[in-house]
């Protein structure tokens, strides 16, 4: 996949990604869990307020050498800490449960959206979106976990801010100083210092770290392309070995990894600068409130307990105001994943919204009828124009013609996955049909699952499976029906095509479409496969795309396309005389 990374998604698109789950059929459970998590978050903030008050009493007891109060405060700290631990544990536990529920729901929705209406086919064919597997797997996980973490963190910061802002205002007292012979008093001055400190730090961190969103987006894209290249080598290991293409593959993979490395160095530089700013900000915040409040302590206006309470309250207020700084890296990663998901969403909506000029209609009269059908390429160039023909029940038709005239495209149109063109296709209602492409799809799993695909393997007995394997010259596979493997890598192209014929004999569809389904077979085996269709599936209607004239005798009619100078192939239909 080579699509360029998309632009930043607007916040409206972000809301459209987040909203559906909270309005879905699971909304009551979701809102219930979220409410419990919020209650626990509020409880933890309340305990933080209690700890703040505890610190004043405890340090005053230390300064005054008041042992009874010191001992009582230790006991109070113990039960406050136990409650805080229980709340923290269950807050994380419920948050993880809500995250998984949300991710499961969104994964199912996105899989339905991607697999429905052949959107996966159109987005791949039109190169609308890169690495959809990563977006459904990784980005949905990052969206749900990141959204909950950032939202709950922001909520906790806001509640903490409002809880401690009044404490800090009341205990910090006024600051009085002279400026140009005028006496100036700032009430609750520690609060204003906290605001100023957080604002300055946030501006600096944003300015330093803003490139991380774009770099994070690109990093995920480069990583996915590199992983896709590795998978391609694994899937095509036989062909690459025969070509001795290791050097070329190494160069391509190295080029993809160089993109990862270059972008990673850019991330490292930005992260280094960001860490300099954020670490200095965080470390200086530990001593800053003590420095600012120490004059009142040394003047005797406050005791050590009040000083420690001021430092604690300042830390809470400053930490709340610093939410943006502390969460900046997570925000950058979250926004990058949102941008990818928004692009994925838009691509699927685009292909689902594109006009479909070809209508596929269920019919009760014929197995297949083409009515004034015109097929085009995506760029608008015609393949053939105004074709009308029909296939009756039990008939076998051969589609012949030069390469590029639209034979395979016609089968895609009949399957309902080719939208470019005009006309109507009437397909038998209530009758099963099966397509055997040139490169048969074989899912990873047991051989019995691969053989019965797309039906369930439970629908067929071992005798049925073994019988069709025997008929299709695959008796050596009878003993490995329950072996789990990537059969598309384990079987030769010829074995894969014979397996697809065994699949057809097993499923026995009412209508069978073959698109160069014997291209990898020798003449003798090809004759055997077509003979099996005639003898074992006599009631099945068959449409074949083939270049070899030797298979014509197994068909009754021929639909022939001839290329013309204007690019629109000429169509003719004729009967085939039996040999």
Protein backbone atom coordinates (compact mmCIF):
# COMPACT_ATOMS: atom_id res chain seq x y z
CA UNK A 1 0.00 0.00 0.00
CA UNK A 2 1.43 3.36 -0.95
CA UNK A 3 -1.24 5.89 -0.04
CA UNK A 4 0.08 9.14 1.37
CA UNK A 5 -0.96 9.91 4.96
CA UNK A 6 -4.14 11.96 5.20
CA UNK A 7 -4.78 15.37 6.67
CA UNK A 8 -5.70 16.12 10.25
CA UNK A 9 -9.32 15.23 11.00
CA UNK A 10 -11.60 18.07 12.13
CA UNK A 11 -13.01 17.80 15.63
CA UNK A 12 -16.47 17.16 14.24
CA UNK A 13 -15.13 14.00 12.60
CA UNK A 14 -13.59 13.02 15.95
CA UNK A 15 -16.98 13.30 17.63
CA UNK A 16 -18.53 11.19 14.87
CA UNK A 17 -16.04 8.43 15.70
CA UNK A 18 -16.68 8.53 19.45
CA UNK A 19 -20.44 9.12 19.58
CA UNK A 20 -22.01 5.91 18.11
CA UNK A 21 -21.14 3.58 20.99
CA UNK A 22 -22.64 5.89 23.59
CA UNK A 23 -25.93 5.96 21.67
CA UNK A 24 -25.95 2.27 20.75
CA UNK A 25 -27.93 -0.64 22.13
CA UNK A 26 -25.24 -0.98 24.82
CA UNK A 27 -25.54 2.64 25.95
CA UNK A 28 -27.07 1.88 29.38
CA UNK A 29 -24.28 -0.51 30.33
CA UNK A 30 -21.67 1.88 28.94
CA UNK A 31 -23.05 4.91 30.77
CA UNK A 32 -23.45 2.85 33.95
CA UNK A 33 -19.80 1.81 33.90
CA UNK A 34 -18.70 5.34 33.07
CA UNK A 35 -20.79 6.74 35.93
CA UNK A 36 -19.19 4.32 38.40
CA UNK A 37 -15.73 5.28 37.14
CA UNK A 38 -16.54 8.98 37.49
CA UNK A 39 -17.81 8.42 41.04
CA UNK A 40 -14.56 6.64 41.90
CA UNK A 41 -12.59 9.50 40.30
CA UNK A 42 -14.49 12.04 42.40
CA UNK A 43 -13.90 9.92 45.49
CA UNK A 44 -10.16 9.86 44.82
CA UNK A 45 -10.16 13.67 44.50
CA UNK A 46 -12.04 13.91 47.81
CA UNK A 47 -9.40 11.72 49.43
CA UNK A 48 -6.70 13.99 47.99
CA UNK A 49 -8.40 16.90 49.79
CA UNK A 50 -8.38 14.84 52.99
CA UNK A 51 -4.68 14.07 52.52
CA UNK A 52 -4.02 17.79 52.05
CA UNK A 53 -5.68 18.62 55.37
CA UNK A 54 -3.92 15.65 56.97
CA UNK A 55 -0.51 17.00 55.87
CA UNK A 56 -1.13 20.30 57.74
CA UNK A 57 -2.07 18.59 61.01
CA UNK A 58 0.66 15.96 60.71
CA UNK A 59 3.54 18.40 60.08
CA UNK A 60 2.26 20.77 62.77
CA UNK A 61 2.35 17.82 65.19
CA UNK A 62 5.94 17.12 64.14
CA UNK A 63 6.96 20.75 64.62
CA UNK A 64 5.23 20.95 68.02
CA UNK A 65 6.45 17.48 69.07
CA UNK A 66 2.84 16.53 69.83
CA UNK A 67 3.07 12.72 69.99
CA UNK A 68 -0.65 11.92 70.64
CA UNK A 69 -1.70 13.93 67.57
CA UNK A 70 1.18 12.43 65.56
CA UNK A 71 0.00 8.90 66.48
CA UNK A 72 -3.64 9.70 65.64
CA UNK A 73 -2.62 11.11 62.27
CA UNK A 74 -0.67 7.95 61.45
CA UNK A 75 -3.82 5.92 62.10
CA UNK A 76 -5.86 8.33 59.98
CA UNK A 77 -3.32 8.05 57.15
CA UNK A 78 -3.57 4.25 57.28
CA UNK A 79 -7.31 4.06 56.68
CA UNK A 80 -7.24 6.91 54.14
CA UNK A 81 -4.51 5.08 52.22
CA UNK A 82 -6.42 1.77 52.30
CA UNK A 83 -9.57 3.40 50.93
CA UNK A 84 -7.52 5.22 48.28
CA UNK A 85 -5.88 1.93 47.18
CA UNK A 86 -9.24 0.15 46.84
CA UNK A 87 -10.68 3.05 44.84
CA UNK A 88 -7.61 3.19 42.58
CA UNK A 89 -7.69 -0.56 41.92
CA UNK A 90 -11.39 -0.68 40.98
CA UNK A 91 -11.17 2.50 38.96
CA UNK A 92 -8.52 0.87 36.75
CA UNK A 93 -10.45 -2.43 36.69
CA UNK A 94 -13.73 -0.85 35.57
CA UNK A 95 -11.95 1.41 33.09
CA UNK A 96 -10.30 -1.59 31.45
CA UNK A 97 -13.67 -3.37 31.28
CA UNK A 98 -15.33 -0.35 29.67
CA UNK A 99 -12.43 0.01 27.26
CA UNK A 100 -12.75 -3.60 26.08
CA UNK A 101 -16.54 -3.34 25.73
CA UNK A 102 -16.17 -0.18 23.68
CA UNK A 103 -13.39 -1.68 21.54
CA UNK A 104 -15.38 -4.88 20.93
CA UNK A 105 -18.44 -2.92 19.84
CA UNK A 106 -16.44 -0.63 17.55
CA UNK A 107 -14.46 -3.54 16.09
CA UNK A 108 -17.67 -5.36 15.19
CA UNK A 109 -19.14 -2.18 13.70
CA UNK A 110 -16.05 -1.45 11.63
CA UNK A 111 -15.73 -5.04 10.46
CA UNK A 112 -19.39 -4.95 9.35
CA UNK A 113 -18.81 -1.61 7.64
CA UNK A 114 -15.62 -2.77 5.96
CA UNK A 115 -16.91 -6.18 4.87
CA UNK A 116 -20.44 -4.98 4.03
CA UNK A 117 -21.33 -3.88 0.49
CA UNK A 118 -17.90 -5.12 -0.64
CA UNK A 119 -16.30 -1.97 0.79
CA UNK A 120 -13.07 -3.91 1.45
CA UNK A 121 -12.91 -4.76 -2.27
CA UNK A 122 -13.55 -1.22 -3.52
CA UNK A 123 -11.16 0.48 -1.09
CA UNK A 124 -8.40 -1.95 -2.06
CA UNK A 125 -9.12 -1.77 -5.80
CA UNK A 126 -9.30 2.03 -5.81
CA UNK A 127 -6.39 2.45 -3.34
CA UNK A 128 -8.65 4.53 -1.11
CA UNK A 129 -7.09 3.59 2.21
CA UNK A 130 -3.81 2.08 3.36
CA UNK A 131 -3.46 -0.78 5.84
CA UNK A 132 -7.11 -1.25 6.91
CA UNK A 133 -6.02 -4.18 9.09
CA UNK A 134 -3.93 -1.82 11.23
CA UNK A 135 -6.74 0.68 11.54
CA UNK A 136 -9.26 -1.89 12.73
CA UNK A 137 -6.81 -3.69 15.03
CA UNK A 138 -4.43 -1.09 16.44
CA UNK A 139 -6.14 2.26 15.92
CA UNK A 140 -9.50 1.23 17.41
CA UNK A 141 -7.63 -0.01 20.47
CA UNK A 142 -5.74 3.27 20.71
CA UNK A 143 -8.92 5.30 20.20
CA UNK A 144 -10.89 3.61 22.99
CA UNK A 145 -8.06 3.44 25.51
CA UNK A 146 -6.77 6.92 24.68
CA UNK A 147 -10.18 8.56 24.78
CA UNK A 148 -11.05 7.09 28.18
CA UNK A 149 -7.63 7.86 29.63
CA UNK A 150 -7.58 11.45 28.39
CA UNK A 151 -11.22 12.14 29.25
CA UNK A 152 -10.98 10.74 32.78
CA UNK A 153 -7.65 12.49 33.28
CA UNK A 154 -9.16 15.81 32.20
CA UNK A 155 -12.21 15.27 34.42
CA UNK A 156 -10.02 14.46 37.40
CA UNK A 157 -7.88 17.54 36.73
CA UNK A 158 -10.92 19.84 36.50
CA UNK A 159 -12.47 18.47 39.71
CA UNK A 160 -9.11 18.63 41.48
CA UNK A 161 -8.63 22.21 40.33
CA UNK A 162 -11.99 23.35 41.69
CA UNK A 163 -11.43 21.39 44.92
CA UNK A 164 -8.04 22.89 45.69
CA UNK A 165 -8.30 26.36 44.19
CA UNK A 166 -10.28 27.63 47.19
CA UNK A 167 -7.95 25.84 49.62
CA UNK A 168 -4.91 27.44 48.00
CA UNK A 169 -6.62 30.85 47.93
CA UNK A 170 -7.52 30.74 51.62
CA UNK A 171 -4.28 29.35 53.07
CA UNK A 172 -1.74 31.20 50.92
CA UNK A 173 -2.80 34.61 52.21
CA UNK A 174 -1.93 37.99 50.65
CA UNK A 175 1.37 39.11 49.18
CA UNK A 176 2.26 42.76 49.78
CA UNK A 177 5.12 44.58 48.08
CA UNK A 178 6.08 48.12 47.01
CA UNK A 179 6.30 49.16 43.39
CA UNK A 180 7.24 52.75 42.42
CA UNK A 181 6.35 53.97 45.92
CA UNK A 182 3.00 52.24 45.79
CA UNK A 183 2.08 49.37 48.06
CA UNK A 184 0.48 46.51 46.13
CA UNK A 185 -1.34 43.59 47.75
CA UNK A 186 -2.20 40.40 45.85
CA UNK A 187 -4.77 38.28 47.72
CA UNK A 188 -4.33 34.50 47.38
CA UNK A 189 -1.08 35.14 45.54
CA UNK A 190 -0.07 31.43 45.40
CA UNK A 191 -3.08 30.73 43.16
CA UNK A 192 -1.95 33.37 40.65
CA UNK A 193 1.60 32.01 40.70
CA UNK A 194 0.21 28.52 39.98
CA UNK A 195 -1.87 29.87 37.05
CA UNK A 196 1.08 31.78 35.60
CA UNK A 197 3.43 28.82 36.02
CA UNK A 198 1.03 26.40 34.26
CA UNK A 199 0.20 28.81 31.41
CA UNK A 200 3.84 29.53 30.60
CA UNK A 201 4.71 25.82 30.78
CA UNK A 202 1.76 24.80 28.56
CA UNK A 203 2.64 27.32 25.87
CA UNK A 204 6.28 26.20 25.81
CA UNK A 205 5.38 22.48 25.70
CA UNK A 206 2.81 23.01 22.92
CA UNK A 207 5.27 24.99 20.83
CA UNK A 208 8.02 22.40 21.28
CA UNK A 209 5.89 19.28 20.86
CA UNK A 210 3.33 20.16 18.17
CA UNK A 211 5.24 18.31 15.36
CA UNK A 212 4.62 15.01 17.22
CA UNK A 213 1.08 14.62 15.82
CA UNK A 214 2.28 14.60 12.22
CA UNK A 215 5.36 12.52 13.03
CA UNK A 216 3.31 9.98 14.99
CA UNK A 217 0.87 9.62 12.10
CA UNK A 218 3.72 9.07 9.65
CA UNK A 219 5.46 6.60 11.95
CA UNK A 220 2.41 4.34 12.11
CA UNK A 221 2.08 4.55 8.33
CA UNK A 222 5.73 3.65 7.72
CA UNK A 223 5.58 0.82 10.26
CA UNK A 224 2.47 -0.63 8.60
CA UNK A 225 4.05 -0.47 5.14
CA UNK A 226 7.18 -2.23 6.39
CA UNK A 227 5.08 -4.94 8.07
CA UNK A 228 3.00 -5.33 4.90
CA UNK A 229 6.21 -5.79 2.87
CA UNK A 230 7.40 -8.54 5.23
CA UNK A 231 4.04 -10.29 4.94
CA UNK A 232 4.23 -10.09 1.13
CA UNK A 233 7.60 -11.86 1.20
CA UNK A 234 6.17 -14.61 3.36
CA UNK A 235 3.08 -15.03 1.18
CA UNK A 236 5.09 -15.12 -2.06
CA UNK A 237 8.18 -16.96 -0.81
CA UNK A 238 8.04 -19.59 -3.55
CA UNK A 239 7.91 -17.10 -6.43
CA UNK A 240 10.59 -14.87 -4.90
CA UNK A 241 12.88 -17.87 -4.43
CA UNK A 242 12.39 -18.96 -8.05
CA UNK A 243 13.17 -15.46 -9.29
CA UNK A 244 16.13 -15.19 -6.89
CA UNK A 245 14.57 -11.88 -5.94
CA UNK A 246 16.07 -11.71 -2.47
CA UNK A 247 18.28 -8.73 -3.34
CA UNK A 248 15.37 -6.74 -4.76
CA UNK A 249 13.14 -7.59 -1.79
CA UNK A 250 15.95 -6.64 0.61
CA UNK A 251 16.38 -3.28 -1.11
CA UNK A 252 12.62 -2.56 -0.95
CA UNK A 253 12.38 -3.59 2.69
CA UNK A 254 15.48 -1.58 3.55
CA UNK A 255 13.96 1.45 1.83
CA UNK A 256 10.78 1.05 3.87
CA UNK A 257 12.78 0.68 7.07
CA UNK A 258 14.87 3.74 6.21
CA UNK A 259 11.63 5.73 6.23
CA UNK A 260 10.89 4.35 9.71
CA UNK A 261 14.40 5.22 10.89
CA UNK A 262 14.41 8.75 9.46
CA UNK A 263 10.99 9.56 10.91
CA UNK A 264 11.99 7.99 14.24
CA UNK A 265 15.03 10.25 14.49
CA UNK A 266 12.75 13.22 13.94
CA UNK A 267 10.48 11.94 16.74
CA UNK A 268 13.52 11.48 18.98
CA UNK A 269 14.64 15.08 18.44
CA UNK A 270 11.19 16.52 19.16
CA UNK A 271 10.74 14.19 22.16
CA UNK A 272 14.14 15.19 23.52
CA UNK A 273 13.25 18.87 23.36
CA UNK A 274 9.82 18.13 24.81
CA UNK A 275 11.35 16.16 27.67
CA UNK A 276 13.76 19.00 28.42
CA UNK A 277 10.85 21.42 28.76
CA UNK A 278 8.43 19.09 30.59
CA UNK A 279 11.04 17.58 32.93
CA UNK A 280 12.37 21.00 33.96
CA UNK A 281 8.77 22.15 34.42
CA UNK A 282 7.89 19.14 36.60
CA UNK A 283 11.06 19.20 38.69
CA UNK A 284 11.04 22.93 39.35
CA UNK A 285 7.37 22.62 40.39
CA UNK A 286 8.51 20.58 43.41
CA UNK A 287 10.49 23.46 44.90
CA UNK A 288 8.71 26.46 43.38
CA UNK A 289 5.81 26.67 45.91
CA UNK A 290 8.23 26.32 48.85
CA UNK A 291 10.34 29.16 47.46
CA UNK A 292 7.34 31.42 46.96
CA UNK A 293 5.71 30.64 50.33
CA UNK A 294 8.92 30.52 52.42
CA UNK A 295 9.02 34.28 53.23
CA UNK A 296 5.74 33.95 55.18
CA UNK A 297 7.07 30.86 56.96
CA UNK A 298 10.32 32.51 58.02
CA UNK A 299 8.44 35.62 59.09
CA UNK A 300 6.39 33.45 61.46
CA UNK A 301 3.09 34.11 59.68
CA UNK A 302 2.55 30.37 59.09
CA UNK A 303 3.82 27.16 60.62
CA UNK A 304 5.45 24.21 58.87
CA UNK A 305 2.11 22.39 58.58
CA UNK A 306 0.60 25.32 56.71
CA UNK A 307 3.72 25.53 54.53
CA UNK A 308 3.42 21.86 53.61
CA UNK A 309 -0.33 22.25 53.03
CA UNK A 310 0.36 25.20 50.71
CA UNK A 311 2.98 23.15 48.83
CA UNK A 312 0.55 20.23 48.53
CA UNK A 313 -2.36 22.41 47.39
CA UNK A 314 -0.10 24.28 44.97
CA UNK A 315 1.02 20.93 43.53
CA UNK A 316 -2.58 19.82 43.07
CA UNK A 317 -3.64 23.08 41.40
CA UNK A 318 -0.51 23.28 39.28
CA UNK A 319 -0.85 19.58 38.33
CA UNK A 320 -4.46 20.12 37.29
CA UNK A 321 -3.55 23.15 35.23
CA UNK A 322 -0.67 21.14 33.73
CA UNK A 323 -2.93 18.40 32.36
CA UNK A 324 -2.16 19.50 28.82
CA UNK A 325 1.59 19.32 29.49
CA UNK A 326 1.48 15.92 31.14
CA UNK A 327 -0.85 14.46 28.50
CA UNK A 328 0.74 16.06 25.45
CA UNK A 329 2.52 12.94 24.19
CA UNK A 330 -0.63 10.83 24.68
CA UNK A 331 -2.70 13.53 23.00
CA UNK A 332 -0.36 13.53 20.00
CA UNK A 333 -0.58 9.73 19.63
CA UNK A 334 -4.35 9.78 20.13
CA UNK A 335 -4.87 12.52 17.54
CA UNK A 336 -2.70 10.65 15.03
CA UNK A 337 -4.80 7.50 15.45
CA UNK A 338 -8.01 9.53 15.19
CA UNK A 339 -6.78 11.02 11.92
CA UNK A 340 -6.18 7.53 10.52
CA UNK A 341 -9.59 6.26 11.63
CA UNK A 342 -11.33 9.35 10.25
CA UNK A 343 -9.61 8.77 6.91
CA UNK A 344 -10.64 5.12 6.96
CA UNK A 345 -14.21 6.09 7.80
CA UNK A 346 -14.32 8.66 5.01
CA UNK A 347 -12.91 6.18 2.47
CA UNK A 348 -15.58 3.58 3.28
CA UNK A 349 -18.34 6.19 3.17
CA UNK A 350 -17.01 7.36 -0.19
CA UNK A 351 -17.04 3.92 -1.80
CA UNK A 352 -20.45 3.13 -0.29
CA UNK A 353 -21.79 6.42 -1.65
CA UNK A 354 -20.43 6.06 -5.17
CA UNK A 355 -23.07 5.60 -7.88
CA UNK A 356 -23.82 2.03 -8.98
CA UNK A 357 -24.97 2.16 -12.58
CA UNK A 358 -25.45 -1.62 -12.83
CA UNK A 359 -28.52 -3.09 -11.16
CA UNK A 360 -28.45 -6.74 -10.02
CA UNK A 361 -32.07 -7.90 -9.78
CA UNK A 362 -33.48 -11.20 -8.55
CA UNK A 363 -35.42 -13.11 -11.22
CA UNK A 364 -37.82 -16.05 -11.17
CA UNK A 365 -37.65 -16.81 -14.92
CA UNK A 366 -34.00 -17.45 -15.82
CA UNK A 367 -30.81 -18.29 -14.00
CA UNK A 368 -29.07 -15.30 -15.57
CA UNK A 369 -30.09 -12.53 -17.95
CA UNK A 370 -28.06 -9.57 -19.17
CA UNK A 371 -30.23 -6.67 -20.19
CA UNK A 372 -28.59 -3.87 -22.22
CA UNK A 373 -25.40 -4.22 -20.14
CA UNK A 374 -22.47 -1.87 -20.65
CA UNK A 375 -19.26 -2.31 -18.69
CA UNK A 376 -16.58 0.36 -18.27
CA UNK A 377 -13.21 0.77 -16.64
CA UNK A 378 -12.94 3.11 -13.62
CA UNK A 379 -11.58 5.82 -15.94
CA UNK A 380 -14.74 5.63 -18.09
CA UNK A 381 -13.30 3.67 -21.04
CA UNK A 382 -15.81 1.10 -22.34
CA UNK A 383 -15.16 -2.64 -22.29
CA UNK A 384 -18.32 -3.68 -24.12
CA UNK A 385 -21.63 -1.98 -24.82
CA UNK A 386 -25.35 -2.85 -24.81
CA UNK A 387 -25.00 -6.61 -24.37
CA UNK A 388 -28.15 -8.72 -23.89
CA UNK A 389 -28.07 -12.48 -23.31
CA UNK A 390 -29.53 -15.11 -21.01
CA UNK A 391 -28.65 -18.39 -19.35
CA UNK A 392 -31.37 -20.95 -18.69
CA UNK A 393 -31.36 -23.51 -15.88
CA UNK A 394 -28.86 -26.30 -16.50
CA UNK A 395 -27.16 -24.61 -19.46
CA UNK A 396 -23.39 -24.34 -19.78
CA UNK A 397 -21.93 -21.27 -21.46
CA UNK A 398 -18.32 -20.56 -22.47
CA UNK A 399 -17.18 -16.93 -22.55
CA UNK A 400 -14.36 -16.46 -25.04
CA UNK A 401 -12.39 -13.54 -26.41
CA UNK A 402 -9.00 -11.80 -26.28
CA UNK A 403 -7.45 -10.62 -23.04
CA UNK A 404 -8.77 -7.29 -21.79
CA UNK A 405 -12.15 -7.47 -23.51
CA UNK A 406 -14.10 -7.72 -20.23
CA UNK A 407 -14.68 -11.45 -19.65
CA UNK A 408 -13.56 -11.56 -16.01
CA UNK A 409 -15.06 -8.12 -15.42
CA UNK A 410 -18.43 -9.50 -16.55
CA UNK A 411 -18.27 -12.13 -13.78
CA UNK A 412 -17.45 -9.40 -11.26
CA UNK A 413 -20.47 -7.43 -12.44
CA UNK A 414 -22.68 -10.51 -12.04
CA UNK A 415 -21.28 -10.95 -8.52
CA UNK A 416 -22.36 -7.34 -7.80
CA UNK A 417 -18.88 -5.97 -7.14
CA UNK A 418 -18.27 -4.01 -10.37
CA UNK A 419 -20.13 -0.68 -10.26
CA UNK A 420 -18.76 0.89 -13.43
CA UNK A 421 -21.28 0.74 -16.24
CA UNK A 422 -25.00 0.67 -16.93
CA UNK A 423 -27.73 -1.90 -17.48
CA UNK A 424 -29.43 -4.67 -15.55
CA UNK A 425 -28.40 -8.16 -14.52
CA UNK A 426 -31.18 -10.58 -13.57
CA UNK A 427 -29.96 -13.38 -11.31
CA UNK A 428 -32.04 -16.35 -10.21
CA UNK A 429 -33.81 -15.73 -6.91
CA UNK A 430 -33.31 -18.28 -4.15
CA UNK A 431 -30.64 -20.25 -6.00
CA UNK A 432 -27.13 -20.72 -4.66
CA UNK A 433 -24.18 -19.69 -6.78
CA UNK A 434 -20.43 -20.16 -6.47
CA UNK A 435 -17.50 -18.37 -8.12
CA UNK A 436 -14.21 -20.14 -8.81
CA UNK A 437 -11.58 -17.47 -9.64
CA UNK A 438 -8.24 -18.19 -11.26
CA UNK A 439 -6.50 -17.82 -7.93
CA UNK A 440 -8.76 -19.59 -5.49
CA UNK A 441 -9.07 -18.18 -2.00
CA UNK A 442 -8.14 -20.71 0.69
CA UNK A 443 -8.59 -19.53 4.29
CA UNK A 444 -6.02 -20.34 6.96
CA UNK A 445 -7.38 -23.19 9.08
CA UNK A 446 -7.98 -26.92 8.80
CA UNK A 447 -8.21 -28.50 5.37
CA UNK A 448 -11.85 -29.46 5.95
CA UNK A 449 -12.63 -25.77 6.60
CA UNK A 450 -10.76 -24.76 3.45
CA UNK A 451 -12.54 -27.40 1.39
CA UNK A 452 -16.06 -26.46 2.52
CA UNK A 453 -15.52 -22.66 2.38
CA UNK A 454 -17.68 -20.54 2.43
CA UNK A 455 -19.99 -23.13 4.04
CA UNK A 456 -19.36 -24.56 7.49
CA UNK A 457 -17.27 -27.72 7.67
CA UNK A 458 -19.90 -29.14 10.03
CA UNK A 459 -22.32 -29.35 7.11
CA UNK A 460 -20.38 -32.20 5.48
CA UNK A 461 -19.26 -35.66 6.56
CA UNK A 462 -15.77 -37.11 6.24
CA UNK A 463 -17.04 -39.48 3.54
CA UNK A 464 -18.27 -36.55 1.45
CA UNK A 465 -14.99 -34.69 1.86
CA UNK A 466 -12.86 -37.72 1.07
CA UNK A 467 -15.01 -38.58 -1.96
CA UNK A 468 -14.60 -35.17 -3.66
CA UNK A 469 -10.86 -35.20 -2.90
CA UNK A 470 -10.61 -38.59 -4.60
CA UNK A 471 -12.61 -37.39 -7.61
CA UNK A 472 -10.39 -34.31 -8.03
CA UNK A 473 -7.10 -36.25 -7.91
CA UNK A 474 -6.26 -35.17 -4.35
CA UNK A 475 -6.30 -38.50 -2.44
CA UNK A 476 -3.03 -37.58 -0.69
CA UNK A 477 -4.92 -34.87 1.22
CA UNK A 478 -7.47 -37.23 2.77
CA UNK A 479 -5.23 -37.99 5.74
CA UNK A 480 -4.66 -34.29 6.63
CA UNK A 481 -8.26 -33.04 6.80
CA UNK A 482 -7.76 -31.84 10.36
CA UNK A 483 -4.31 -30.30 9.88
CA UNK A 484 -4.20 -26.57 10.55
CA UNK A 485 -2.09 -24.70 7.98
CA UNK A 486 -1.84 -21.85 5.51
CA UNK A 487 -2.97 -24.04 2.63
CA UNK A 488 -2.44 -21.37 -0.01
CA UNK A 489 1.29 -21.69 0.80
CA UNK A 490 1.31 -25.44 1.30
CA UNK A 491 -0.52 -26.42 -1.91
CA UNK A 492 0.74 -25.91 -5.44
CA UNK A 493 -1.32 -23.71 -7.84
CA UNK A 494 -2.61 -26.84 -9.58
CA UNK A 495 -3.63 -28.41 -6.26
CA UNK A 496 -5.37 -25.21 -5.26
CA UNK A 497 -7.42 -25.19 -8.46
CA UNK A 498 -8.33 -28.87 -8.04
CA UNK A 499 -9.34 -28.09 -4.46
CA UNK A 500 -11.69 -25.39 -5.75
CA UNK A 501 -13.34 -27.94 -8.09
CA UNK A 502 -13.69 -30.32 -5.14
CA UNK A 503 -15.34 -27.44 -3.28
CA UNK A 504 -17.83 -27.00 -6.15
CA UNK A 505 -18.66 -30.74 -6.20
CA UNK A 506 -19.16 -30.65 -2.43
CA UNK A 507 -21.35 -27.53 -2.28
CA UNK A 508 -23.27 -28.30 -5.53
CA UNK A 509 -24.37 -24.75 -6.35
CA UNK A 510 -27.28 -24.07 -8.67
CA UNK A 511 -25.11 -21.68 -10.71
CA UNK A 512 -21.34 -22.03 -11.08
CA UNK A 513 -19.00 -19.36 -12.45
CA UNK A 514 -15.44 -20.28 -13.45
CA UNK A 515 -12.86 -17.60 -14.27
CA UNK A 516 -9.78 -19.29 -15.76
CA UNK A 517 -10.26 -21.86 -13.01
CA UNK A 518 -8.07 -24.47 -14.80
CA UNK A 519 -5.20 -22.22 -15.97
CA UNK A 520 -2.66 -24.08 -13.78
CA UNK A 521 -3.78 -27.58 -14.84
CA UNK A 522 -2.44 -29.79 -17.61
CA UNK A 523 -4.80 -30.72 -20.47
CA UNK A 524 -5.64 -34.16 -19.09
CA UNK A 525 -6.49 -32.90 -15.61
CA UNK A 526 -8.44 -29.98 -17.06
CA UNK A 527 -10.54 -32.40 -19.13
CA UNK A 528 -11.18 -34.48 -16.02
CA UNK A 529 -12.34 -31.48 -13.98
CA UNK A 530 -14.82 -30.35 -16.63
CA UNK A 531 -16.03 -33.92 -17.13
CA UNK A 532 -16.77 -34.06 -13.41
CA UNK A 533 -18.89 -30.91 -13.69
CA UNK A 534 -20.97 -32.48 -16.47
CA UNK A 535 -21.39 -35.85 -14.75
CA UNK A 536 -21.69 -34.80 -11.10
CA UNK A 537 -23.53 -31.47 -11.48
CA UNK A 538 -25.90 -32.06 -14.40
CA UNK A 539 -28.51 -29.62 -13.07
CA UNK A 540 -26.02 -26.82 -12.40
CA UNK A 541 -25.87 -23.84 -14.75
CA UNK A 542 -22.25 -23.10 -15.66
CA UNK A 543 -20.54 -20.01 -17.06
CA UNK A 544 -16.83 -20.45 -17.85
CA UNK A 545 -14.15 -17.98 -18.83
CA UNK A 546 -11.36 -19.88 -20.57
CA UNK A 547 -8.76 -19.36 -23.30
CA UNK A 548 -8.31 -23.03 -24.27
CA UNK A 549 -10.65 -24.26 -26.98
CA UNK A 550 -10.35 -27.80 -25.58
CA UNK A 551 -12.98 -27.05 -22.93
CA UNK A 552 -15.58 -25.87 -25.49
CA UNK A 553 -17.02 -29.39 -25.83
CA UNK A 554 -18.23 -29.26 -22.25
CA UNK A 555 -20.45 -26.25 -23.00
CA UNK A 556 -23.58 -25.75 -25.06
CA UNK A 557 -23.28 -22.06 -25.93
CA UNK A 558 -20.50 -19.56 -26.50
CA UNK A 559 -20.57 -15.85 -25.69
CA UNK A 560 -17.76 -14.37 -27.73
CA UNK A 561 -16.21 -10.93 -27.50
CA UNK A 562 -14.16 -9.40 -30.32
CA UNK A 563 -12.02 -6.30 -29.88
CA UNK A 564 -12.82 -3.23 -31.98
CA UNK A 565 -10.88 -0.06 -32.72
CA UNK A 566 -13.18 2.10 -30.59
CA UNK A 567 -12.34 -0.05 -27.55
CA UNK A 568 -15.90 -1.37 -27.13
CA UNK A 569 -15.79 -5.13 -27.74
CA UNK A 570 -18.37 -6.69 -30.06
CA UNK A 571 -20.56 -9.40 -28.53
CA UNK A 572 -22.06 -12.47 -30.20
CA UNK A 573 -23.80 -15.61 -28.95
CA UNK A 574 -23.77 -18.95 -30.71
CA UNK A 575 -24.50 -22.63 -30.06
CA UNK A 576 -21.63 -25.08 -29.70
CA UNK A 577 -22.01 -28.34 -31.58
CA UNK A 578 -21.07 -31.45 -29.57
CA UNK A 579 -18.03 -33.33 -30.84
